[in-house]
Every structure is written in structure tokens, then in C-alpha cells.
Amino acid sequence: MISAGQLFHQVEIFGVLLSENSYGEQIKNYISKGYFRASISPIQGNESFMEQGIHNDVTHKIQMRFIPNLNVKPDDIIVFNDREFDIQYVLNWFEKNKEITILAKEKLYVDRGI
């Protein structure tokens, strides 16, 4: 289990809310799900998730405690300071509901429209 001392980053998780404009086009709006303590670390070249079939452009591993009723999905984004991460995978190891590992890709350009 991840210790409290390892959770030294404060991140904000945004969920996607789809709406339609007057032309019937779908528009993405981001709604904050809240602030949470997490550990963010870059994935190094020697760290691989290939055994699980995970090899999509993942740049960072974000770990946090499991929070009931917080449904983190690949459509969500994580913001840390001025950096934004697109969630690629959410792993609840052994379905124990103790901690989750989020594999994410950092965006180079941030324009959330918030």
C-alpha cells in the first residue's frame, strides 16, 4: 500500500461533461471532481507495462489512494500546477480498492477553456 509520505503532489481531477451547442454539435466541458493527494513520477525507459499489453504513449505514472465514489475514467484529465495529463489507463490492482495507478500522457499544450 502506498504510504501517506509518498503522496506529496496535490492534483485536481476533471471529468468531461458533454453538451450540445445550438447547432447540435457536441462540446466538451470539464468539471472538477476535486483535489486529491497523489504521487506523480515519469515512466523511465526501463519501466515497461508491455506484459499487460499497455504501451500507448504513457509518460507518467500517478498513484493515489482508492476513494469510494470517485470514478476515475480515461476520459478524465489530471491537472498538476500548470501541467495537464490525459488518462490512458486506470488500474485497481487485484481489485482490492486500496490504491489506484493511473497511467497518463502529459499534454504539451494546455487549453481547457476553463
PDB file of N, CA and C in Angstrom:
ATOM      1  N   MET A   1       0.847  -1.189   0.000  1.00  0.00           N
ATOM      2  CA  MET A   1       0.000   0.000   0.000  1.00  0.00           C
ATOM      3  C   MET A   1       0.883   1.240   0.000  1.00  0.00           C
ATOM      4  N   ILE A   2       0.450   2.242  -0.693  1.00  0.00           N
ATOM      5  CA  ILE A   2       1.199   3.488  -0.789  1.00  0.00           C
ATOM      6  C   ILE A   2       1.086   4.250   0.530  1.00  0.00           C
ATOM      7  N   SER A   3       2.220   4.768   1.012  1.00  0.00           N
ATOM      8  CA  SER A   3       2.208   5.473   2.296  1.00  0.00           C
ATOM      9  C   SER A   3       1.861   6.943   2.084  1.00  0.00           C
ATOM     10  N   ALA A   4       1.376   7.580   3.137  1.00  0.00           N
ATOM     11  CA  ALA A   4       0.978   8.987   3.058  1.00  0.00           C
ATOM     12  C   ALA A   4       2.159   9.870   2.679  1.00  0.00           C
ATOM     13  N   GLY A   5       3.373   9.507   3.089  1.00  0.00           N
ATOM     14  CA  GLY A   5       4.553  10.291   2.776  1.00  0.00           C
ATOM     15  C   GLY A   5       4.897  10.311   1.298  1.00  0.00           C
ATOM     16  N   GLN A   6       4.406   9.361   0.550  1.00  0.00           N
ATOM     17  CA  GLN A   6       4.668   9.318  -0.889  1.00  0.00           C
ATOM     18  C   GLN A   6       3.697  10.190  -1.682  1.00  0.00           C
ATOM     19  N   LEU A   7       2.610  10.606  -1.066  1.00  0.00           N
ATOM     20  CA  LEU A   7       1.570  11.382  -1.750  1.00  0.00           C
ATOM     21  C   LEU A   7       1.825  12.878  -1.555  1.00  0.00           C
ATOM     22  N   PHE A   8       2.899  13.386  -2.138  1.00  0.00           N
ATOM     23  CA  PHE A   8       3.258  14.777  -1.900  1.00  0.00           C
ATOM     24  C   PHE A   8       2.881  15.723  -3.035  1.00  0.00           C
ATOM     25  N   HIS A   9       2.102  15.270  -4.008  1.00  0.00           N
ATOM     26  CA  HIS A   9       1.579  16.140  -5.058  1.00  0.00           C
ATOM     27  C   HIS A   9       0.079  16.333  -4.831  1.00  0.00           C
ATOM     28  N   GLN A  10      -0.391  17.551  -5.035  1.00  0.00           N
ATOM     29  CA  GLN A  10      -1.833  17.789  -4.990  1.00  0.00           C
ATOM     30  C   GLN A  10      -2.315  17.981  -6.414  1.00  0.00           C
ATOM     31  N   VAL A  11      -3.210  17.102  -6.851  1.00  0.00           N
ATOM     32  CA  VAL A  11      -3.715  17.140  -8.216  1.00  0.00           C
ATOM     33  C   VAL A  11      -5.206  17.447  -8.202  1.00  0.00           C
ATOM     34  N   GLU A  12      -5.680  17.969  -9.316  1.00  0.00           N
ATOM     35  CA  GLU A  12      -7.112  18.178  -9.493  1.00  0.00           C
ATOM     36  C   GLU A  12      -7.557  17.297 -10.651  1.00  0.00           C
ATOM     37  N   ILE A  13      -8.640  16.579 -10.437  1.00  0.00           N
ATOM     38  CA  ILE A  13      -9.174  15.700 -11.473  1.00  0.00           C
ATOM     39  C   ILE A  13     -10.416  16.351 -12.058  1.00  0.00           C
ATOM     40  N   PHE A  14     -10.450  16.398 -13.402  1.00  0.00           N
ATOM     41  CA  PHE A  14     -11.587  16.962 -14.116  1.00  0.00           C
ATOM     42  C   PHE A  14     -12.293  15.863 -14.897  1.00  0.00           C
ATOM     43  N   GLY A  15     -13.602  15.829 -14.788  1.00  0.00           N
ATOM     44  CA  GLY A  15     -14.414  14.920 -15.580  1.00  0.00           C
ATOM     45  C   GLY A  15     -15.003  15.656 -16.764  1.00  0.00           C
ATOM     46  N   VAL A  16     -15.341  14.918 -17.800  1.00  0.00           N
ATOM     47  CA  VAL A  16     -15.887  15.507 -19.024  1.00  0.00           C
ATOM     48  C   VAL A  16     -17.410  15.510 -18.936  1.00  0.00           C
ATOM     49  N   LEU A  17     -17.975  16.651 -19.250  1.00  0.00           N
ATOM     50  CA  LEU A  17     -19.424  16.790 -19.343  1.00  0.00           C
ATOM     51  C   LEU A  17     -19.729  17.216 -20.776  1.00  0.00           C
ATOM     52  N   LEU A  18     -20.433  16.363 -21.510  1.00  0.00           N
ATOM     53  CA  LEU A  18     -20.762  16.666 -22.904  1.00  0.00           C
ATOM     54  C   LEU A  18     -22.079  17.426 -22.980  1.00  0.00           C
ATOM     55  N   SER A  19     -22.090  18.460 -23.814  1.00  0.00           N
ATOM     56  CA  SER A  19     -23.315  19.217 -24.045  1.00  0.00           C
ATOM     57  C   SER A  19     -23.388  19.550 -25.529  1.00  0.00           C
ATOM     58  N   GLU A  20     -24.531  20.043 -25.947  1.00  0.00           N
ATOM     59  CA  GLU A  20     -24.715  20.405 -27.350  1.00  0.00           C
ATOM     60  C   GLU A  20     -24.864  21.910 -27.470  1.00  0.00           C
ATOM     61  N   ASN A  21     -24.275  22.458 -28.532  1.00  0.00           N
ATOM     62  CA  ASN A  21     -24.494  23.875 -28.806  1.00  0.00           C
ATOM     63  C   ASN A  21     -25.754  24.030 -29.661  1.00  0.00           C
ATOM     64  N   SER A  22     -26.040  25.246 -30.084  1.00  0.00           N
ATOM     65  CA  SER A  22     -27.279  25.498 -30.844  1.00  0.00           C
ATOM     66  C   SER A  22     -27.273  24.852 -32.227  1.00  0.00           C
ATOM     67  N   TYR A  23     -26.101  24.398 -32.692  1.00  0.00           N
ATOM     68  CA  TYR A  23     -26.017  23.723 -33.983  1.00  0.00           C
ATOM     69  C   TYR A  23     -26.073  22.205 -33.847  1.00  0.00           C
ATOM     70  N   GLY A  24     -26.233  21.712 -32.639  1.00  0.00           N
ATOM     71  CA  GLY A  24     -26.297  20.276 -32.416  1.00  0.00           C
ATOM     72  C   GLY A  24     -24.944  19.599 -32.302  1.00  0.00           C
ATOM     73  N   GLU A  25     -23.874  20.389 -32.266  1.00  0.00           N
ATOM     74  CA  GLU A  25     -22.525  19.834 -32.135  1.00  0.00           C
ATOM     75  C   GLU A  25     -22.223  19.556 -30.667  1.00  0.00           C
ATOM     76  N   GLN A  26     -21.524  18.459 -30.431  1.00  0.00           N
ATOM     77  CA  GLN A  26     -21.162  18.117 -29.051  1.00  0.00           C
ATOM     78  C   GLN A  26     -19.958  18.943 -28.610  1.00  0.00           C
ATOM     79  N   ILE A  27     -20.051  19.476 -27.403  1.00  0.00           N
ATOM     80  CA  ILE A  27     -18.986  20.303 -26.835  1.00  0.00           C
ATOM     81  C   ILE A  27     -18.552  19.669 -25.518  1.00  0.00           C
ATOM     82  N   LYS A  28     -17.224  19.573 -25.325  1.00  0.00           N
ATOM     83  CA  LYS A  28     -16.679  19.041 -24.079  1.00  0.00           C
ATOM     84  C   LYS A  28     -16.502  20.174 -23.074  1.00  0.00           C
ATOM     85  N   ASN A  29     -17.040  19.976 -21.892  1.00  0.00           N
ATOM     86  CA  ASN A  29     -16.824  20.884 -20.776  1.00  0.00           C
ATOM     87  C   ASN A  29     -16.196  20.064 -19.657  1.00  0.00           C
ATOM     88  N   TYR A  30     -15.257  20.664 -18.955  1.00  0.00           N
ATOM     89  CA  TYR A  30     -14.583  19.946 -17.871  1.00  0.00           C
ATOM     90  C   TYR A  30     -15.089  20.457 -16.530  1.00  0.00           C
ATOM     91  N   ILE A  31     -15.471  19.508 -15.691  1.00  0.00           N
ATOM     92  CA  ILE A  31     -15.987  19.805 -14.364  1.00  0.00           C
ATOM     93  C   ILE A  31     -15.050  19.186 -13.335  1.00  0.00           C
ATOM     94  N   SER A  32     -14.663  19.980 -12.348  1.00  0.00           N
ATOM     95  CA  SER A  32     -13.734  19.486 -11.333  1.00  0.00           C
ATOM     96  C   SER A  32     -14.400  18.426 -10.456  1.00  0.00           C
ATOM     97  N   LYS A  33     -13.694  17.317 -10.256  1.00  0.00           N
ATOM     98  CA  LYS A  33     -14.142  16.276  -9.329  1.00  0.00           C
ATOM     99  C   LYS A  33     -13.519  16.481  -7.956  1.00  0.00           C
ATOM    100  N   GLY A  34     -12.548  17.389  -7.867  1.00  0.00           N
ATOM    101  CA  GLY A  34     -11.929  17.716  -6.596  1.00  0.00           C
ATOM    102  C   GLY A  34     -10.419  17.630  -6.629  1.00  0.00           C
ATOM    103  N   TYR A  35      -9.825  17.974  -5.479  1.00  0.00           N
ATOM    104  CA  TYR A  35      -8.381  17.922  -5.294  1.00  0.00           C
ATOM    105  C   TYR A  35      -8.023  16.675  -4.498  1.00  0.00           C
ATOM    106  N   PHE A  36      -6.927  16.035  -4.886  1.00  0.00           N
ATOM    107  CA  PHE A  36      -6.532  14.784  -4.239  1.00  0.00           C
ATOM    108  C   PHE A  36      -5.018  14.722  -4.103  1.00  0.00           C
ATOM    109  N   ARG A  37      -4.558  13.984  -3.099  1.00  0.00           N
ATOM    110  CA  ARG A  37      -3.129  13.754  -2.902  1.00  0.00           C
ATOM    111  C   ARG A  37      -2.701  12.593  -3.788  1.00  0.00           C
ATOM    112  N   ALA A  38      -1.539  12.743  -4.439  1.00  0.00           N
ATOM    113  CA  ALA A  38      -1.075  11.718  -5.363  1.00  0.00           C
ATOM    114  C   ALA A  38       0.445  11.738  -5.438  1.00  0.00           C
ATOM    115  N   SER A  39       0.983  10.716  -6.047  1.00  0.00           N
ATOM    116  CA  SER A  39       2.395  10.626  -6.365  1.00  0.00           C
ATOM    117  C   SER A  39       2.514  10.594  -7.878  1.00  0.00           C
ATOM    118  N   ILE A  40       3.294  11.521  -8.440  1.00  0.00           N
ATOM    119  CA  ILE A  40       3.481  11.589  -9.886  1.00  0.00           C
ATOM    120  C   ILE A  40       4.945  11.294 -10.185  1.00  0.00           C
ATOM    121  N   SER A  41       5.170  10.339 -11.064  1.00  0.00           N
ATOM    122  CA  SER A  41       6.547  10.041 -11.453  1.00  0.00           C
ATOM    123  C   SER A  41       6.599   9.725 -12.947  1.00  0.00           C
ATOM    124  N   PRO A  42       7.648  10.216 -13.607  1.00  0.00           N
ATOM    125  CA  PRO A  42       7.800   9.889 -15.024  1.00  0.00           C
ATOM    126  C   PRO A  42       8.128   8.410 -15.184  1.00  0.00           C
ATOM    127  N   ILE A  43       7.661   7.847 -16.266  1.00  0.00           N
ATOM    128  CA  ILE A  43       7.975   6.447 -16.543  1.00  0.00           C
ATOM    129  C   ILE A  43       9.296   6.429 -17.284  1.00  0.00           C
ATOM    130  N   GLN A  44      10.240   5.729 -16.710  1.00  0.00           N
ATOM    131  CA  GLN A  44      11.575   5.665 -17.294  1.00  0.00           C
ATOM    132  C   GLN A  44      11.633   4.581 -18.347  1.00  0.00           C
ATOM    133  N   GLY A  45      12.658   4.636 -19.161  1.00  0.00           N
ATOM    134  CA  GLY A  45      12.808   3.690 -20.258  1.00  0.00           C
ATOM    135  C   GLY A  45      12.844   2.245 -19.815  1.00  0.00           C
ATOM    136  N   ASN A  46      13.347   1.983 -18.600  1.00  0.00           N
ATOM    137  CA  ASN A  46      13.438   0.594 -18.158  1.00  0.00           C
ATOM    138  C   ASN A  46      12.146   0.094 -17.521  1.00  0.00           C
ATOM    139  N   GLU A  47      11.192   0.986 -17.298  1.00  0.00           N
ATOM    140  CA  GLU A  47       9.920   0.585 -16.701  1.00  0.00           C
ATOM    141  C   GLU A  47       8.931   0.330 -17.824  1.00  0.00           C
ATOM    142  N   SER A  48       8.393  -0.854 -17.887  1.00  0.00           N
ATOM    143  CA  SER A  48       7.530  -1.210 -19.004  1.00  0.00           C
ATOM    144  C   SER A  48       6.272  -1.895 -18.514  1.00  0.00           C
ATOM    145  N   PHE A  49       5.181  -1.596 -19.162  1.00  0.00           N
ATOM    146  CA  PHE A  49       3.915  -2.252 -18.860  1.00  0.00           C
ATOM    147  C   PHE A  49       3.512  -3.141 -20.023  1.00  0.00           C
ATOM    148  N   MET A  50       4.499  -3.547 -20.827  1.00  0.00           N
ATOM    149  CA  MET A  50       4.229  -4.350 -22.014  1.00  0.00           C
ATOM    150  C   MET A  50       3.600  -5.688 -21.674  1.00  0.00           C
ATOM    151  N   GLU A  51       3.914  -6.244 -20.492  1.00  0.00           N
ATOM    152  CA  GLU A  51       3.341  -7.543 -20.139  1.00  0.00           C
ATOM    153  C   GLU A  51       1.821  -7.472 -20.063  1.00  0.00           C
ATOM    154  N   GLN A  52       1.292  -6.328 -19.634  1.00  0.00           N
ATOM    155  CA  GLN A  52      -0.156  -6.171 -19.544  1.00  0.00           C
ATOM    156  C   GLN A  52      -0.742  -5.662 -20.860  1.00  0.00           C
ATOM    157  N   GLY A  53       0.092  -5.513 -21.881  1.00  0.00           N
ATOM    158  CA  GLY A  53      -0.396  -5.018 -23.162  1.00  0.00           C
ATOM    159  C   GLY A  53      -0.573  -3.513 -23.188  1.00  0.00           C
ATOM    160  N   ILE A  54       0.017  -2.820 -22.212  1.00  0.00           N
ATOM    161  CA  ILE A  54      -0.110  -1.373 -22.110  1.00  0.00           C
ATOM    162  C   ILE A  54       1.147  -0.750 -22.690  1.00  0.00           C
ATOM    163  N   HIS A  55       1.029  -0.083 -23.811  1.00  0.00           N
ATOM    164  CA  HIS A  55       2.190   0.534 -24.427  1.00  0.00           C
ATOM    165  C   HIS A  55       1.832   1.818 -25.162  1.00  0.00           C
ATOM    166  N   ASN A  56       0.635   2.322 -24.935  1.00  0.00           N
ATOM    167  CA  ASN A  56       0.219   3.581 -25.544  1.00  0.00           C
ATOM    168  C   ASN A  56       1.060   4.706 -24.952  1.00  0.00           C
ATOM    169  N   ASP A  57       1.316   5.741 -25.637  1.00  0.00           N
ATOM    170  CA  ASP A  57       2.204   6.833 -25.254  1.00  0.00           C
ATOM    171  C   ASP A  57       2.073   7.274 -23.794  1.00  0.00           C
ATOM    172  N   VAL A  58       2.384   6.419 -22.882  1.00  0.00           N
ATOM    173  CA  VAL A  58       2.305   6.731 -21.461  1.00  0.00           C
ATOM    174  C   VAL A  58       3.602   7.407 -21.056  1.00  0.00           C
ATOM    175  N   THR A  59       3.494   8.573 -20.402  1.00  0.00           N
ATOM    176  CA  THR A  59       4.689   9.299 -19.976  1.00  0.00           C
ATOM    177  C   THR A  59       4.842   9.352 -18.462  1.00  0.00           C
ATOM    178  N   HIS A  60       3.730   9.192 -17.711  1.00  0.00           N
ATOM    179  CA  HIS A  60       3.786   9.319 -16.262  1.00  0.00           C
ATOM    180  C   HIS A  60       2.909   8.277 -15.571  1.00  0.00           C
ATOM    181  N   LYS A  61       3.344   7.929 -14.372  1.00  0.00           N
ATOM    182  CA  LYS A  61       2.565   7.045 -13.503  1.00  0.00           C
ATOM    183  C   LYS A  61       2.102   7.895 -12.319  1.00  0.00           C
ATOM    184  N   ILE A  62       0.805   7.895 -12.090  1.00  0.00           N
ATOM    185  CA  ILE A  62       0.213   8.666 -10.996  1.00  0.00           C
ATOM    186  C   ILE A  62      -0.458   7.671 -10.057  1.00  0.00           C
ATOM    187  N   GLN A  63      -0.046   7.690  -8.806  1.00  0.00           N
ATOM    188  CA  GLN A  63      -0.615   6.769  -7.822  1.00  0.00           C
ATOM    189  C   GLN A  63      -1.360   7.566  -6.768  1.00  0.00           C
ATOM    190  N   MET A  64      -2.487   7.033  -6.357  1.00  0.00           N
ATOM    191  CA  MET A  64      -3.263   7.660  -5.299  1.00  0.00           C
ATOM    192  C   MET A  64      -4.081   6.608  -4.571  1.00  0.00           C
ATOM    193  N   ARG A  65      -4.555   6.963  -3.419  1.00  0.00           N
ATOM    194  CA  ARG A  65      -5.397   6.045  -2.667  1.00  0.00           C
ATOM    195  C   ARG A  65      -6.734   5.895  -3.370  1.00  0.00           C
ATOM    196  N   PHE A  66      -7.331   4.725  -3.208  1.00  0.00           N
ATOM    197  CA  PHE A  66      -8.664   4.479  -3.752  1.00  0.00           C
ATOM    198  C   PHE A  66      -9.659   5.307  -2.944  1.00  0.00           C
ATOM    199  N   ILE A  67     -10.525   6.014  -3.639  1.00  0.00           N
ATOM    200  CA  ILE A  67     -11.545   6.833  -2.991  1.00  0.00           C
ATOM    201  C   ILE A  67     -12.907   6.345  -3.468  1.00  0.00           C
ATOM    202  N   PRO A  68     -13.728   5.814  -2.549  1.00  0.00           N
ATOM    203  CA  PRO A  68     -15.060   5.351  -2.953  1.00  0.00           C
ATOM    204  C   PRO A  68     -15.855   6.489  -3.606  1.00  0.00           C
ATOM    205  N   ASN A  69     -16.638   6.164  -4.574  1.00  0.00           N
ATOM    206  CA  ASN A  69     -17.488   7.103  -5.318  1.00  0.00           C
ATOM    207  C   ASN A  69     -16.717   8.071  -6.205  1.00  0.00           C
ATOM    208  N   LEU A  70     -15.394   7.928  -6.307  1.00  0.00           N
ATOM    209  CA  LEU A  70     -14.617   8.714  -7.263  1.00  0.00           C
ATOM    210  C   LEU A  70     -14.311   7.786  -8.428  1.00  0.00           C
ATOM    211  N   ASN A  71     -15.031   7.958  -9.489  1.00  0.00           N
ATOM    212  CA  ASN A  71     -14.879   7.096 -10.657  1.00  0.00           C
ATOM    213  C   ASN A  71     -13.932   7.774 -11.646  1.00  0.00           C
ATOM    214  N   VAL A  72     -12.646   7.429 -11.577  1.00  0.00           N
ATOM    215  CA  VAL A  72     -11.660   7.998 -12.492  1.00  0.00           C
ATOM    216  C   VAL A  72     -11.688   7.184 -13.777  1.00  0.00           C
ATOM    217  N   LYS A  73     -11.865   7.887 -14.917  1.00  0.00           N
ATOM    218  CA  LYS A  73     -12.004   7.219 -16.214  1.00  0.00           C
ATOM    219  C   LYS A  73     -10.995   7.766 -17.210  1.00  0.00           C
ATOM    220  N   PRO A  74     -10.733   7.029 -18.279  1.00  0.00           N
ATOM    221  CA  PRO A  74      -9.812   7.523 -19.309  1.00  0.00           C
ATOM    222  C   PRO A  74     -10.258   8.822 -19.984  1.00  0.00           C
ATOM    223  N   ASP A  75     -11.525   9.194 -19.892  1.00  0.00           N
ATOM    224  CA  ASP A  75     -11.980  10.474 -20.448  1.00  0.00           C
ATOM    225  C   ASP A  75     -11.581  11.657 -19.567  1.00  0.00           C
ATOM    226  N   ASP A  76     -11.247  11.391 -18.310  1.00  0.00           N
ATOM    227  CA  ASP A  76     -10.911  12.445 -17.369  1.00  0.00           C
ATOM    228  C   ASP A  76      -9.499  12.975 -17.634  1.00  0.00           C
ATOM    229  N   ILE A  77      -9.210  14.130 -17.049  1.00  0.00           N
ATOM    230  CA  ILE A  77      -7.856  14.681 -17.117  1.00  0.00           C
ATOM    231  C   ILE A  77      -7.398  15.013 -15.701  1.00  0.00           C
ATOM    232  N   ILE A  78      -6.091  15.041 -15.526  1.00  0.00           N
ATOM    233  CA  ILE A  78      -5.492  15.398 -14.240  1.00  0.00           C
ATOM    234  C   ILE A  78      -4.653  16.640 -14.457  1.00  0.00           C
ATOM    235  N   VAL A  79      -4.806  17.618 -13.560  1.00  0.00           N
ATOM    236  CA  VAL A  79      -4.027  18.845 -13.636  1.00  0.00           C
ATOM    237  C   VAL A  79      -3.165  18.936 -12.383  1.00  0.00           C
ATOM    238  N   PHE A  80      -1.875  19.172 -12.617  1.00  0.00           N
ATOM    239  CA  PHE A  80      -0.915  19.387 -11.534  1.00  0.00           C
ATOM    240  C   PHE A  80      -0.144  20.653 -11.875  1.00  0.00           C
ATOM    241  N   ASN A  81      -0.311  21.684 -11.041  1.00  0.00           N
ATOM    242  CA  ASN A  81       0.244  23.013 -11.328  1.00  0.00           C
ATOM    243  C   ASN A  81      -0.251  23.445 -12.706  1.00  0.00           C
ATOM    244  N   ASP A  82       0.619  23.745 -13.637  1.00  0.00           N
ATOM    245  CA  ASP A  82       0.196  24.145 -14.987  1.00  0.00           C
ATOM    246  C   ASP A  82       0.307  23.007 -15.977  1.00  0.00           C
ATOM    247  N   ARG A  83       0.451  21.806 -15.489  1.00  0.00           N
ATOM    248  CA  ARG A  83       0.627  20.644 -16.363  1.00  0.00           C
ATOM    249  C   ARG A  83      -0.668  19.844 -16.424  1.00  0.00           C
ATOM    250  N   GLU A  84      -0.948  19.303 -17.599  1.00  0.00           N
ATOM    251  CA  GLU A  84      -2.177  18.528 -17.790  1.00  0.00           C
ATOM    252  C   GLU A  84      -1.824  17.149 -18.309  1.00  0.00           C
ATOM    253  N   PHE A  85      -2.516  16.146 -17.780  1.00  0.00           N
ATOM    254  CA  PHE A  85      -2.270  14.759 -18.136  1.00  0.00           C
ATOM    255  C   PHE A  85      -3.555  14.114 -18.641  1.00  0.00           C
ATOM    256  N   ASP A  86      -3.484  13.504 -19.814  1.00  0.00           N
ATOM    257  CA  ASP A  86      -4.592  12.708 -20.337  1.00  0.00           C
ATOM    258  C   ASP A  86      -4.468  11.305 -19.760  1.00  0.00           C
ATOM    259  N   ILE A  87      -5.534  10.813 -19.172  1.00  0.00           N
ATOM    260  CA  ILE A  87      -5.518   9.481 -18.580  1.00  0.00           C
ATOM    261  C   ILE A  87      -5.642   8.442 -19.687  1.00  0.00           C
ATOM    262  N   GLN A  88      -4.725   7.492 -19.707  1.00  0.00           N
ATOM    263  CA  GLN A  88      -4.747   6.405 -20.674  1.00  0.00           C
ATOM    264  C   GLN A  88      -5.341   5.137 -20.061  1.00  0.00           C
ATOM    265  N   TYR A  89      -4.923   4.817 -18.838  1.00  0.00           N
ATOM    266  CA  TYR A  89      -5.369   3.602 -18.158  1.00  0.00           C
ATOM    267  C   TYR A  89      -5.536   3.884 -16.672  1.00  0.00           C
ATOM    268  N   VAL A  90      -6.512   3.231 -16.051  1.00  0.00           N
ATOM    269  CA  VAL A  90      -6.698   3.282 -14.607  1.00  0.00           C
ATOM    270  C   VAL A  90      -6.646   1.850 -14.103  1.00  0.00           C
ATOM    271  N   LEU A  91      -5.713   1.571 -13.212  1.00  0.00           N
ATOM    272  CA  LEU A  91      -5.504   0.208 -12.708  1.00  0.00           C
ATOM    273  C   LEU A  91      -5.821   0.145 -11.224  1.00  0.00           C
ATOM    274  N   ASN A  92      -6.732  -0.722 -10.859  1.00  0.00           N
ATOM    275  CA  ASN A  92      -7.061  -1.014  -9.463  1.00  0.00           C
ATOM    276  C   ASN A  92      -6.492  -2.401  -9.191  1.00  0.00           C
ATOM    277  N   TRP A  93      -5.235  -2.442  -8.726  1.00  0.00           N
ATOM    278  CA  TRP A  93      -4.511  -3.701  -8.609  1.00  0.00           C
ATOM    279  C   TRP A  93      -5.256  -4.720  -7.778  1.00  0.00           C
ATOM    280  N   PHE A  94      -5.461  -5.871  -8.345  1.00  0.00           N
ATOM    281  CA  PHE A  94      -6.128  -7.020  -7.729  1.00  0.00           C
ATOM    282  C   PHE A  94      -7.532  -6.680  -7.230  1.00  0.00           C
ATOM    283  N   GLU A  95      -8.097  -5.554  -7.716  1.00  0.00           N
ATOM    284  CA  GLU A  95      -9.453  -5.120  -7.331  1.00  0.00           C
ATOM    285  C   GLU A  95      -9.613  -5.053  -5.815  1.00  0.00           C
ATOM    286  N   LYS A  96      -8.561  -4.636  -5.128  1.00  0.00           N
ATOM    287  CA  LYS A  96      -8.601  -4.555  -3.660  1.00  0.00           C
ATOM    288  C   LYS A  96      -9.151  -3.232  -3.140  1.00  0.00           C
ATOM    289  N   ASN A  97      -9.324  -2.244  -4.019  1.00  0.00           N
ATOM    290  CA  ASN A  97      -9.835  -0.929  -3.626  1.00  0.00           C
ATOM    291  C   ASN A  97      -9.005  -0.286  -2.519  1.00  0.00           C
ATOM    292  N   LYS A  98      -7.680  -0.403  -2.645  1.00  0.00           N
ATOM    293  CA  LYS A  98      -6.760   0.223  -1.689  1.00  0.00           C
ATOM    294  C   LYS A  98      -6.058   1.420  -2.323  1.00  0.00           C
ATOM    295  N   GLU A  99      -5.597   1.239  -3.556  1.00  0.00           N
ATOM    296  CA  GLU A  99      -4.934   2.308  -4.286  1.00  0.00           C
ATOM    297  C   GLU A  99      -5.159   2.098  -5.772  1.00  0.00           C
ATOM    298  N   ILE A 100      -5.014   3.186  -6.522  1.00  0.00           N
ATOM    299  CA  ILE A 100      -5.121   3.075  -7.972  1.00  0.00           C
ATOM    300  C   ILE A 100      -3.848   3.632  -8.596  1.00  0.00           C
ATOM    301  N   THR A 101      -3.492   3.068  -9.729  1.00  0.00           N
ATOM    302  CA  THR A 101      -2.383   3.552 -10.528  1.00  0.00           C
ATOM    303  C   THR A 101      -2.967   4.063 -11.832  1.00  0.00           C
ATOM    304  N   ILE A 102      -2.643   5.299 -12.140  1.00  0.00           N
ATOM    305  CA  ILE A 102      -3.134   5.936 -13.354  1.00  0.00           C
ATOM    306  C   ILE A 102      -1.952   6.103 -14.289  1.00  0.00           C
ATOM    307  N   LEU A 103      -2.061   5.568 -15.472  1.00  0.00           N
ATOM    308  CA  LEU A 103      -1.029   5.752 -16.489  1.00  0.00           C
ATOM    309  C   LEU A 103      -1.515   6.851 -17.421  1.00  0.00           C
ATOM    310  N   ALA A 104      -0.704   7.894 -17.548  1.00  0.00           N
ATOM    311  CA  ALA A 104      -1.154   9.093 -18.253  1.00  0.00           C
ATOM    312  C   ALA A 104      -0.105   9.607 -19.227  1.00  0.00           C
ATOM    313  N   LYS A 105      -0.585  10.433 -20.145  1.00  0.00           N
ATOM    314  CA  LYS A 105       0.285  11.087 -21.126  1.00  0.00           C
ATOM    315  C   LYS A 105       0.198  12.583 -20.885  1.00  0.00           C
ATOM    316  N   GLU A 106       1.358  13.204 -20.687  1.00  0.00           N
ATOM    317  CA  GLU A 106       1.352  14.645 -20.448  1.00  0.00           C
ATOM    318  C   GLU A 106       1.112  15.385 -21.745  1.00  0.00           C
ATOM    319  N   LYS A 107       0.212  16.369 -21.675  1.00  0.00           N
ATOM    320  CA  LYS A 107      -0.045  17.232 -22.831  1.00  0.00           C
ATOM    321  C   LYS A 107       1.016  18.310 -22.871  1.00  0.00           C
ATOM    322  N   LEU A 108       1.439  18.666 -24.060  1.00  0.00           N
ATOM    323  CA  LEU A 108       2.427  19.720 -24.193  1.00  0.00           C
ATOM    324  C   LEU A 108       1.783  21.098 -24.274  1.00  0.00           C
ATOM    325  N   TYR A 109       0.561  21.152 -24.770  1.00  0.00           N
ATOM    326  CA  TYR A 109      -0.167  22.426 -24.889  1.00  0.00           C
ATOM    327  C   TYR A 109      -1.471  22.294 -24.128  1.00  0.00           C
ATOM    328  N   VAL A 110      -1.723  23.235 -23.230  1.00  0.00           N
ATOM    329  CA  VAL A 110      -2.913  23.170 -22.393  1.00  0.00           C
ATOM    330  C   VAL A 110      -3.880  24.282 -22.787  1.00  0.00           C
ATOM    331  N   ASP A 111      -5.072  23.889 -23.209  1.00  0.00           N
ATOM    332  CA  ASP A 111      -6.150  24.841 -23.492  1.00  0.00           C
ATOM    333  C   ASP A 111      -7.453  24.166 -23.095  1.00  0.00           C
ATOM    334  N   ARG A 112      -7.820  24.271 -21.813  1.00  0.00           N
ATOM    335  CA  ARG A 112      -9.014  23.585 -21.298  1.00  0.00           C
ATOM    336  C   ARG A 112     -10.275  24.412 -21.525  1.00  0.00           C
ATOM    337  N   GLY A 113     -10.133  25.711 -21.750  1.00  0.00           N
ATOM    338  CA  GLY A 113     -11.307  26.543 -21.905  1.00  0.00           C
ATOM    339  C   GLY A 113     -12.039  26.738 -20.595  1.00  0.00           C
ATOM    340  N   ILE A 114     -11.306  26.636 -19.492  1.00  0.00           N
ATOM    341  CA  ILE A 114     -11.928  26.797 -18.164  1.00  0.00           C
ATOM    342  C   ILE A 114     -11.812  28.232 -17.748  1.00  0.00           C
TER     343      ILE A 114
END
